[in-house]
C-alpha cells in the first residue's frame, strides 16, 4: 500500500509540474502578454463609473440580457394571457396585474428552478466527478488548488473572514456556493408551485372543479411535467458543454481550454 501511494504521489507531482509548465508557457507567450497589457492600459485609462463598468462588465451585460428577456416575457405573456381570456369570455388584466398572476409566476418559477438546480448540481458533481479532456472538469492526475484544505491558510491576512475564523463559519463557507444555488432552487420551486397552483385553480374554477393548494399542486402530474421538461434541457446542455470543450475551443474565453492545448488536457 505504501509503495502504491508513493508511486501515485510521483505521478501527481510530475503531472502537476507538467501542467504548471504548460500554463506558465501559455500565460507568458507574446500574444497572451500583449492582450493582458491592453487590458491593463485600458484599466489605467478609466476612472469612476467607467472603471466600475469595465471591471464588472460580464455581470452587467448578463443582467442586461436578463432584464430585456424578462421584459419580453412580461409583454408576450401578458398579451398571450389576455388573448386566452378573451377567447374564453374571461376578464383581461393590466400588465401590473399580470405580474401577480399564476400565469407569470409559474412561467418564471419553473425556468429559474431548472437553472438553479443545474448550477447547484453541477457545482457538486464537479467536486468528485471527472471528464478527461474537458475544461469543465478538474484535472485527474495533477493537484488542484480547489482541493487545498482552507484551514492550512488560516493565518493568511488576505484569506476571506470565514477562513481566518474557522470552525462553523468555515464549514458553512466551504460549501456556500452549492448551498446558495440549491436554496435558490428551492425558492424557485416554491414560486413555480404557488404560481402553478393559481393558474391550475383558475382553470379548475372555470370548469366548476376542485382546487388545490401549492403543496397539492406539487403532487400533480402537471407540476412534474413542467419541471422535467426544463430539467432535461438543463442537464443535456451541461453534458453537451462538458463534451464539446474536449475538442472545440473559443479564443480568449476562460470557459474554453487554450486553443493550442492538446485534446487530452483536462481543466481550463
Protein backbone atom coordinates (compact mmCIF):
# COMPACT_ATOMS: atom_id res chain seq x y z
CA UNK A 1 0.00 0.00 0.00
CA UNK A 2 2.87 2.36 0.92
CA UNK A 3 4.62 1.63 -2.38
CA UNK A 4 1.40 2.24 -4.34
CA UNK A 5 0.85 5.52 -2.50
CA UNK A 6 4.42 6.60 -3.24
CA UNK A 7 4.02 5.81 -6.93
CA UNK A 8 0.72 7.70 -7.10
CA UNK A 9 2.33 10.72 -5.42
CA UNK A 10 5.13 10.71 -8.01
CA UNK A 11 2.54 10.65 -10.80
CA UNK A 12 0.70 13.60 -9.21
CA UNK A 13 3.89 15.60 -8.71
CA UNK A 14 5.03 15.02 -12.30
CA UNK A 15 1.59 15.82 -13.74
CA UNK A 16 1.39 18.97 -11.62
CA UNK A 17 4.84 20.12 -12.79
CA UNK A 18 3.86 19.48 -16.41
CA UNK A 19 0.57 21.37 -16.02
CA UNK A 20 2.29 24.31 -14.32
CA UNK A 21 4.95 24.42 -17.03
CA UNK A 22 2.37 24.39 -19.81
CA UNK A 23 0.28 27.05 -18.06
CA UNK A 24 3.36 29.22 -17.49
CA UNK A 25 4.43 28.94 -21.13
CA UNK A 26 0.96 29.87 -22.43
CA UNK A 27 0.44 32.70 -19.93
CA UNK A 28 3.87 34.17 -20.75
CA UNK A 29 3.59 33.84 -24.51
CA UNK A 30 3.95 37.05 -26.50
CA UNK A 31 0.28 37.06 -27.55
CA UNK A 32 -1.03 36.45 -24.01
CA UNK A 33 1.17 39.18 -22.55
CA UNK A 34 0.08 41.55 -25.33
CA UNK A 35 -3.62 41.01 -24.52
CA UNK A 36 -3.01 41.43 -20.78
CA UNK A 37 -1.09 44.66 -21.48
CA UNK A 38 -4.06 46.01 -23.44
CA UNK A 39 -6.39 45.27 -20.53
CA UNK A 40 -4.12 46.99 -18.02
CA UNK A 41 -3.69 50.04 -20.27
CA UNK A 42 -7.46 50.28 -20.65
CA UNK A 43 -7.95 49.88 -16.90
CA UNK A 44 -5.47 52.66 -16.08
CA UNK A 45 -7.18 54.98 -18.56
CA UNK A 46 -10.58 54.57 -16.90
CA UNK A 47 -11.83 56.12 -13.68
CA UNK A 48 -15.04 56.25 -11.68
CA UNK A 49 -18.11 54.71 -13.29
CA UNK A 50 -16.27 53.70 -16.46
CA UNK A 51 -13.74 51.70 -14.43
CA UNK A 52 -16.53 50.08 -12.43
CA UNK A 53 -18.30 49.03 -15.64
CA UNK A 54 -15.06 47.67 -17.13
CA UNK A 55 -14.30 45.58 -14.06
CA UNK A 56 -17.87 44.25 -13.78
CA UNK A 57 -18.96 44.17 -17.42
CA UNK A 58 -19.63 40.42 -17.55
CA UNK A 59 -22.21 40.61 -14.74
CA UNK A 60 -23.68 43.88 -16.03
CA UNK A 61 -24.18 42.55 -19.55
CA UNK A 62 -25.61 39.26 -18.27
CA UNK A 63 -28.17 41.09 -16.14
CA UNK A 64 -28.93 43.43 -19.04
CA UNK A 65 -29.79 40.39 -21.16
CA UNK A 66 -31.87 39.14 -18.22
CA UNK A 67 -33.76 42.45 -17.99
CA UNK A 68 -34.52 42.53 -21.72
CA UNK A 69 -35.60 38.89 -21.67
CA UNK A 70 -37.78 39.44 -18.60
CA UNK A 71 -39.42 42.45 -20.26
CA UNK A 72 -40.11 40.30 -23.31
CA UNK A 73 -41.56 37.56 -21.09
CA UNK A 74 -43.87 40.03 -19.34
CA UNK A 75 -45.10 41.70 -22.51
CA UNK A 76 -45.55 38.49 -24.51
CA UNK A 77 -47.02 36.62 -21.56
CA UNK A 78 -49.45 39.43 -20.78
CA UNK A 79 -50.62 39.52 -24.37
CA UNK A 80 -50.99 35.72 -24.55
CA UNK A 81 -52.87 35.59 -21.25
CA UNK A 82 -55.35 38.30 -22.26
CA UNK A 83 -55.87 36.71 -25.67
CA UNK A 84 -56.74 33.43 -24.00
CA UNK A 85 -59.09 35.24 -21.61
CA UNK A 86 -60.90 36.96 -24.49
CA UNK A 87 -61.30 33.66 -26.33
CA UNK A 88 -62.96 32.14 -23.29
CA UNK A 89 -65.00 35.22 -22.33
CA UNK A 90 -62.95 35.94 -19.22
CA UNK A 91 -61.74 39.30 -17.85
CA UNK A 92 -58.43 40.75 -19.06
CA UNK A 93 -55.82 42.22 -16.71
CA UNK A 94 -53.25 45.03 -16.76
CA UNK A 95 -49.50 44.47 -17.02
CA UNK A 96 -49.15 45.17 -13.27
CA UNK A 97 -51.91 42.68 -12.57
CA UNK A 98 -50.16 40.12 -14.75
CA UNK A 99 -47.04 40.30 -12.57
CA UNK A 100 -49.01 38.77 -9.68
CA UNK A 101 -50.84 36.22 -11.82
CA UNK A 102 -50.29 32.48 -11.64
CA UNK A 103 -49.50 32.51 -15.37
CA UNK A 104 -46.46 34.75 -14.85
CA UNK A 105 -45.25 33.24 -11.56
CA UNK A 106 -45.46 29.70 -12.90
CA UNK A 107 -43.58 30.53 -16.11
CA UNK A 108 -40.86 32.39 -14.19
CA UNK A 109 -40.54 29.90 -11.34
CA UNK A 110 -40.23 26.77 -13.48
CA UNK A 111 -37.39 28.30 -15.52
CA UNK A 112 -35.47 29.69 -12.55
CA UNK A 113 -35.96 26.37 -10.77
CA UNK A 114 -34.25 24.38 -13.52
CA UNK A 115 -31.42 26.91 -13.91
CA UNK A 116 -30.53 26.92 -10.19
CA UNK A 117 -30.87 23.14 -9.98
CA UNK A 118 -28.45 22.75 -12.85
CA UNK A 119 -25.96 25.16 -11.27
CA UNK A 120 -26.11 23.60 -7.81
CA UNK A 121 -25.87 20.00 -9.03
CA UNK A 122 -23.05 20.83 -11.47
CA UNK A 123 -21.04 22.57 -8.73
CA UNK A 124 -21.39 19.46 -6.55
CA UNK A 125 -20.71 16.94 -9.32
CA UNK A 126 -17.50 18.66 -10.44
CA UNK A 127 -16.16 18.20 -6.92
CA UNK A 128 -15.74 14.45 -7.35
CA UNK A 129 -16.57 13.50 -10.96
CA UNK A 130 -14.22 13.99 -13.92
CA UNK A 131 -14.30 14.23 -17.70
CA UNK A 132 -11.00 13.57 -19.39
CA UNK A 133 -10.15 16.41 -21.78
CA UNK A 134 -12.94 18.79 -20.69
CA UNK A 135 -12.32 22.34 -19.48
CA UNK A 136 -15.34 21.89 -17.16
CA UNK A 137 -13.58 19.19 -15.12
CA UNK A 138 -10.81 19.21 -12.56
CA UNK A 139 -7.58 17.61 -13.64
CA UNK A 140 -7.23 13.92 -12.84
CA UNK A 141 -3.51 13.39 -12.27
CA UNK A 142 -2.34 16.89 -11.28
CA UNK A 143 -3.00 18.59 -7.94
CA UNK A 144 -5.72 21.28 -7.98
CA UNK A 145 -5.78 24.47 -5.90
CA UNK A 146 -9.51 23.98 -5.21
CA UNK A 147 -8.66 20.80 -3.26
CA UNK A 148 -6.50 22.66 -0.74
CA UNK A 149 -7.73 22.45 2.85
CA UNK A 150 -8.52 26.12 3.69
CA UNK A 151 -7.55 25.56 7.32
CA UNK A 152 -3.93 25.40 6.11
CA UNK A 153 -4.01 29.14 5.36
CA UNK A 154 -5.95 30.47 8.36
CA UNK A 155 -3.07 32.84 9.16
CA UNK A 156 -3.17 34.45 5.68
CA UNK A 157 -4.41 38.04 6.19
CA UNK A 158 -5.81 38.07 2.64
CA UNK A 159 -7.95 34.98 3.18
CA UNK A 160 -11.72 35.57 3.49
CA UNK A 161 -13.00 36.16 7.02
CA UNK A 162 -14.68 32.72 7.39
CA UNK A 163 -11.37 31.01 6.52
CA UNK A 164 -9.50 33.00 9.16
CA UNK A 165 -12.25 32.42 11.72
CA UNK A 166 -12.54 28.67 11.12
CA UNK A 167 -15.00 26.40 12.86
CA UNK A 168 -18.68 26.59 11.93
CA UNK A 169 -18.15 29.64 9.73
CA UNK A 170 -15.56 27.85 7.61
CA UNK A 171 -17.77 24.75 7.39
CA UNK A 172 -20.59 26.88 6.01
CA UNK A 173 -18.35 28.92 3.72
CA UNK A 174 -16.57 25.97 2.11
CA UNK A 175 -19.92 24.71 0.77
CA UNK A 176 -21.62 28.08 0.35
CA UNK A 177 -21.74 28.14 -3.47
CA UNK A 178 -23.69 24.90 -3.81
CA UNK A 179 -25.78 25.77 -0.73
CA UNK A 180 -26.87 29.15 -2.11
CA UNK A 181 -27.69 27.82 -5.59
CA UNK A 182 -29.72 24.93 -4.15
CA UNK A 183 -31.51 27.34 -1.80
CA UNK A 184 -32.39 29.46 -4.83
CA UNK A 185 -33.62 26.24 -6.49
CA UNK A 186 -35.91 25.53 -3.52
CA UNK A 187 -37.32 29.08 -3.52
CA UNK A 188 -37.87 28.95 -7.29
CA UNK A 189 -39.58 25.57 -6.97
CA UNK A 190 -41.98 27.07 -4.45
CA UNK A 191 -42.63 30.03 -6.77
CA UNK A 192 -43.36 27.53 -9.53
CA UNK A 193 -45.71 25.59 -7.24
CA UNK A 194 -47.54 28.68 -5.98
CA UNK A 195 -47.91 30.20 -9.45
CA UNK A 196 -48.78 26.86 -10.99
CA UNK A 197 -51.45 26.24 -8.36
CA UNK A 198 -53.01 29.65 -9.01
CA UNK A 199 -53.02 29.02 -12.76
CA UNK A 200 -54.33 25.47 -12.31
CA UNK A 201 -57.08 26.61 -9.91
CA UNK A 202 -58.22 29.33 -12.29
CA UNK A 203 -58.83 26.66 -14.89
CA UNK A 204 -60.44 24.34 -12.33
CA UNK A 205 -62.88 27.03 -11.17
CA UNK A 206 -63.88 27.82 -14.74
CA UNK A 207 -64.94 24.18 -15.06
CA UNK A 208 -66.54 24.00 -11.62
CA UNK A 209 -63.95 21.54 -10.35
CA UNK A 210 -61.97 21.23 -7.11
CA UNK A 211 -58.96 23.48 -6.47
CA UNK A 212 -55.59 22.58 -4.88
CA UNK A 213 -53.02 24.22 -2.60
CA UNK A 214 -49.46 24.93 -3.72
CA UNK A 215 -48.35 21.78 -1.89
CA UNK A 216 -51.16 19.86 -3.51
CA UNK A 217 -50.11 21.13 -6.94
CA UNK A 218 -46.64 19.62 -6.40
CA UNK A 219 -48.38 16.27 -6.29
CA UNK A 220 -49.94 16.69 -9.73
CA UNK A 221 -48.51 15.28 -12.93
CA UNK A 222 -48.77 18.77 -14.48
CA UNK A 223 -46.25 20.17 -12.00
CA UNK A 224 -43.72 17.43 -12.72
CA UNK A 225 -44.28 17.69 -16.46
CA UNK A 226 -43.42 21.41 -16.25
CA UNK A 227 -40.36 20.66 -14.10
CA UNK A 228 -38.94 17.75 -16.06
CA UNK A 229 -39.33 19.47 -19.43
CA UNK A 230 -36.93 22.14 -18.14
CA UNK A 231 -34.63 19.92 -16.10
CA UNK A 232 -33.86 17.65 -19.03
CA UNK A 233 -32.76 20.56 -21.20
CA UNK A 234 -30.51 21.99 -18.47
CA UNK A 235 -28.70 18.71 -17.80
CA UNK A 236 -28.48 17.96 -21.50
CA UNK A 237 -26.77 21.32 -22.10
CA UNK A 238 -24.30 20.68 -19.26
CA UNK A 239 -23.37 17.28 -20.67
CA UNK A 240 -23.03 18.68 -24.19
CA UNK A 241 -20.79 21.53 -22.98
CA UNK A 242 -18.57 19.16 -20.99
CA UNK A 243 -18.05 17.07 -24.12
CA UNK A 244 -17.71 19.92 -26.64
CA UNK A 245 -14.90 21.55 -24.65
CA UNK A 246 -12.80 18.43 -25.22
CA UNK A 247 -12.50 19.07 -28.96
CA UNK A 248 -13.64 22.65 -29.57
CA UNK A 249 -12.14 25.96 -28.45
CA UNK A 250 -13.07 29.61 -28.06
CA UNK A 251 -10.15 32.01 -28.28
CA UNK A 252 -9.97 34.27 -25.23
CA UNK A 253 -12.72 32.59 -23.18
CA UNK A 254 -11.88 31.15 -19.73
CA UNK A 255 -14.67 28.61 -20.29
CA UNK A 256 -12.54 27.01 -23.02
CA UNK A 257 -9.18 25.34 -22.92
CA UNK A 258 -6.42 27.30 -24.68
CA UNK A 259 -6.72 26.85 -28.43
CA UNK A 260 -3.29 25.21 -28.59
CA UNK A 261 -3.97 22.83 -25.68
CA UNK A 262 -3.92 19.09 -26.51
CA UNK A 263 -7.28 17.34 -26.68
CA UNK A 264 -6.47 15.13 -23.67
CA UNK A 265 -5.65 18.10 -21.40
CA UNK A 266 -8.24 18.29 -18.63
CA UNK A 267 -9.26 21.52 -16.89
CA UNK A 268 -9.03 25.12 -18.02
